[in-house]
Amino acid sequence: MGGTAGEAAPGARQRFDLPGVDAFTAPYWRAAAAGRLLIRRCRAEGCGAAHHYPREFCPYCWSEDVGWEEADGRATLYTWSVVHRNDLPPFDTRVPYVAAVVELAEGPRMMTEITGCPPEALRVGMELRVAFRPEGGTGAERAEAEGETEAEEGARERGRERERGSTPEPVVPVFRPAPGRRG
């Protein structure tokens, strides 16, 4: 979503997982840092469609009258793939992980990662809830399956601080099984 956040300092490992933050996407990343998932919704009469990934126009009616809206964080699993090999940092240290497409309760589909659930327990249509991982999240943070992790709690606190500040550092939305639905 724009920018050059993945560029590395000389001698550092280049990161390919960091989204770029620009003026258009900054509200999305600020909300994520505060533990909120935003989508875009068309405000044109007769349309009203929600969409994700964020665009400055409606992909259904082409109206430029679109705005940010908070999603409630519920989704169902549409499809997934377990990634066992990825040579790009930091993915090389995260394997295996579950790359997925979820269908948000508001309608749009979103690419994400599934955490807190063994791959063999995944089922199409299973209920999921959004969680948030700081870009520097560790494997241990991602493996937490119960309640709000320390990483999410820290992300929310940093998000409240950043909402008062300027450019946010990326906190990435991921999904995990809904309470009572763990594998």
Protein backbone atom coordinates (compact mmCIF):
# COMPACT_ATOMS: atom_id res chain seq x y z
CA MET A 1 0.00 0.00 0.00
CA GLY A 2 2.55 2.53 -1.22
CA GLY A 3 5.89 3.86 0.09
CA THR A 4 9.32 2.39 0.71
CA ALA A 5 9.10 0.88 4.19
CA GLY A 6 10.85 -2.31 3.05
CA GLU A 7 14.16 -0.59 2.24
CA ALA A 8 17.02 -1.72 4.48
CA ALA A 9 19.94 0.20 5.95
CA PRO A 10 23.37 -0.72 4.57
CA GLY A 11 24.43 -4.09 6.00
CA ALA A 12 20.91 -4.92 7.28
CA ARG A 13 18.69 -7.65 5.88
CA GLN A 14 16.16 -6.19 3.46
CA ARG A 15 12.56 -6.54 4.67
CA PHE A 16 9.84 -7.51 2.21
CA ASP A 17 7.00 -7.68 4.71
CA LEU A 18 6.70 -4.02 5.66
CA PRO A 19 3.95 -2.06 3.95
CA GLY A 20 4.67 1.44 2.81
CA VAL A 21 2.81 4.23 4.54
CA ASP A 22 1.80 7.32 2.61
CA ALA A 23 -0.72 10.13 3.13
CA PHE A 24 -3.58 8.06 1.71
CA THR A 25 -2.92 4.86 3.71
CA ALA A 26 -1.80 6.53 6.98
CA PRO A 27 -5.35 6.43 8.48
CA TYR A 28 -5.47 2.67 7.84
CA TRP A 29 -2.12 2.04 9.56
CA ARG A 30 -2.92 4.39 12.46
CA ALA A 31 -6.17 2.51 13.05
CA ALA A 32 -4.40 -0.86 12.89
CA ALA A 33 -1.84 0.37 15.41
CA ALA A 34 -4.79 1.23 17.68
CA GLY A 35 -6.35 -2.22 17.21
CA ARG A 36 -8.99 -1.21 14.65
CA LEU A 37 -9.48 -2.55 11.11
CA LEU A 38 -10.60 -0.05 8.47
CA ILE A 39 -12.17 -0.71 5.09
CA ARG A 40 -13.39 1.70 2.41
CA ARG A 41 -17.07 2.19 1.58
CA CYS A 42 -18.62 3.92 -1.40
CA ARG A 43 -20.93 6.82 -0.51
CA ALA A 44 -22.44 7.16 -3.98
CA GLU A 45 -26.22 6.95 -4.13
CA GLY A 46 -27.31 3.49 -5.21
CA CYS A 47 -23.93 1.84 -4.55
CA GLY A 48 -22.67 1.75 -0.95
CA ALA A 49 -20.31 -1.15 -1.62
CA ALA A 50 -17.49 -1.87 0.82
CA HIS A 51 -14.07 -2.78 -0.55
CA HIS A 52 -10.59 -3.75 0.53
CA TYR A 53 -7.69 -3.14 -0.35
CA PRO A 54 -8.07 0.63 0.11
CA ARG A 55 -8.50 2.63 -3.09
CA GLU A 56 -9.39 6.24 -3.74
CA PHE A 57 -12.36 5.19 -5.90
CA CYS A 58 -15.09 2.55 -5.76
CA PRO A 59 -14.11 -0.53 -7.80
CA TYR A 60 -17.82 -1.24 -8.45
CA CYS A 61 -19.24 2.08 -9.68
CA TRP A 62 -16.01 4.10 -10.08
CA SER A 63 -17.24 6.88 -7.80
CA GLU A 64 -14.57 8.89 -6.00
CA ASP A 65 -16.98 9.47 -3.12
CA VAL A 66 -15.54 6.82 -0.78
CA GLY A 67 -14.55 6.96 2.86
CA TRP A 68 -13.00 4.99 5.69
CA GLU A 69 -15.23 2.81 7.86
CA GLU A 70 -14.34 0.64 10.85
CA ALA A 71 -14.92 -3.06 10.23
CA ASP A 72 -16.17 -5.10 13.17
CA GLY A 73 -13.31 -7.60 12.85
CA ARG A 74 -15.38 -10.70 12.09
CA ALA A 75 -14.54 -12.83 9.05
CA THR A 76 -14.85 -16.32 7.64
CA LEU A 77 -12.06 -18.31 6.07
CA TYR A 78 -12.39 -18.34 2.28
CA THR A 79 -9.16 -20.14 1.29
CA TRP A 80 -5.61 -20.68 2.57
CA SER A 81 -2.22 -22.16 1.84
CA VAL A 82 0.42 -23.35 4.28
CA VAL A 83 3.76 -21.84 3.28
CA HIS A 84 6.64 -24.17 4.13
CA ARG A 85 9.40 -22.36 2.27
CA ASN A 86 10.04 -18.68 1.73
CA ASP A 87 13.58 -17.40 1.32
CA LEU A 88 12.75 -13.70 1.78
CA PRO A 89 13.46 -12.17 5.18
CA PRO A 90 11.75 -12.23 7.61
CA PHE A 91 9.47 -14.90 6.17
CA ASP A 92 12.37 -17.36 6.14
CA THR A 93 12.26 -17.37 9.96
CA ARG A 94 8.44 -17.63 10.15
CA VAL A 95 7.81 -20.82 8.16
CA PRO A 96 5.53 -22.61 8.24
CA TYR A 97 2.80 -19.98 8.22
CA VAL A 98 -0.72 -19.80 6.84
CA ALA A 99 -1.39 -17.29 4.06
CA ALA A 100 -5.13 -16.85 3.61
CA VAL A 101 -8.00 -14.97 2.08
CA VAL A 102 -10.82 -14.17 4.50
CA GLU A 103 -14.24 -12.75 3.79
CA LEU A 104 -14.99 -9.85 6.11
CA ALA A 105 -18.47 -9.61 7.65
CA GLU A 106 -18.90 -6.38 5.65
CA GLY A 107 -18.38 -8.30 2.39
CA PRO A 108 -14.88 -7.62 1.04
CA ARG A 109 -12.24 -10.33 0.88
CA MET A 110 -8.83 -9.64 2.35
CA MET A 111 -5.44 -11.35 2.13
CA THR A 112 -3.96 -12.04 5.56
CA GLU A 113 -2.23 -14.56 7.79
CA ILE A 114 -4.01 -17.02 10.10
CA THR A 115 -2.46 -17.37 13.55
CA GLY A 116 -3.32 -19.31 16.69
CA CYS A 117 -4.61 -22.38 14.86
CA PRO A 118 -2.87 -25.50 13.57
CA PRO A 119 -3.24 -25.76 9.78
CA GLU A 120 -4.98 -29.15 10.02
CA ALA A 121 -7.81 -27.50 12.01
CA LEU A 122 -8.58 -24.91 9.31
CA ARG A 123 -11.89 -25.25 7.50
CA VAL A 124 -13.51 -23.17 4.76
CA GLY A 125 -16.15 -20.99 6.37
CA MET A 126 -14.70 -21.15 9.89
CA GLU A 127 -15.33 -18.07 11.99
CA LEU A 128 -12.34 -15.77 12.55
CA ARG A 129 -11.57 -12.56 14.43
CA VAL A 130 -9.01 -9.91 13.60
CA ALA A 131 -5.89 -9.54 15.74
CA PHE A 132 -2.97 -7.17 15.28
CA ARG A 133 0.74 -7.95 15.13
CA PRO A 134 3.46 -5.30 15.36
CA GLU A 135 5.75 -5.50 12.33
CA GLY A 136 8.52 -6.81 14.59
CA GLY A 137 6.31 -9.55 16.06
CA THR A 138 8.10 -12.77 16.96
CA GLY A 139 7.03 -16.33 16.31
CA ALA A 140 6.09 -16.65 19.99
CA GLU A 141 3.85 -13.58 19.77
CA ARG A 142 2.18 -14.96 16.66
CA ALA A 143 1.61 -18.37 18.27
CA GLU A 144 -0.43 -16.94 21.17
CA ALA A 145 -3.93 -18.36 20.73
CA GLU A 146 -5.79 -17.21 23.85
CA GLY A 147 -7.09 -13.70 24.49
CA GLU A 148 -5.20 -10.53 23.69
CA THR A 149 -1.48 -11.16 23.42
CA GLU A 150 1.11 -8.88 24.95
CA ALA A 151 2.01 -7.91 21.37
CA GLU A 152 -1.57 -6.79 20.66
CA GLU A 153 -1.80 -4.96 23.97
CA GLY A 154 1.48 -3.17 23.15
CA ALA A 155 0.24 -2.42 19.64
CA ARG A 156 -2.91 -0.83 21.01
CA GLU A 157 -0.91 1.37 23.40
CA ARG A 158 1.54 2.42 20.67
CA GLY A 159 -1.45 3.09 18.42
CA ARG A 160 -3.05 5.45 20.92
CA GLU A 161 0.26 7.31 21.12
CA ARG A 162 0.63 7.40 17.32
CA GLU A 163 -2.93 8.60 16.73
CA ARG A 164 -1.79 11.79 18.39
CA GLY A 165 1.43 11.81 16.34
CA SER A 166 2.42 11.59 12.68
CA THR A 167 3.44 8.63 10.51
CA PRO A 168 2.61 5.26 12.08
CA GLU A 169 4.84 2.21 12.09
CA PRO A 170 2.99 -0.72 10.52
CA VAL A 171 0.97 -3.02 12.74
CA VAL A 172 -0.42 -5.79 10.55
CA PRO A 173 -3.92 -7.24 10.83
CA VAL A 174 -3.95 -11.04 11.07
CA PHE A 175 -6.84 -13.36 11.84
CA ARG A 176 -7.31 -16.16 14.36
CA PRO A 177 -10.19 -18.49 15.17
CA ALA A 178 -13.15 -16.86 16.87
CA PRO A 179 -13.41 -17.58 20.61
CA GLY A 180 -14.79 -21.07 21.14
CA ARG A 181 -13.76 -22.09 17.59
CA ARG A 182 -10.11 -22.99 18.10
CA GLY A 183 -8.69 -26.09 16.45
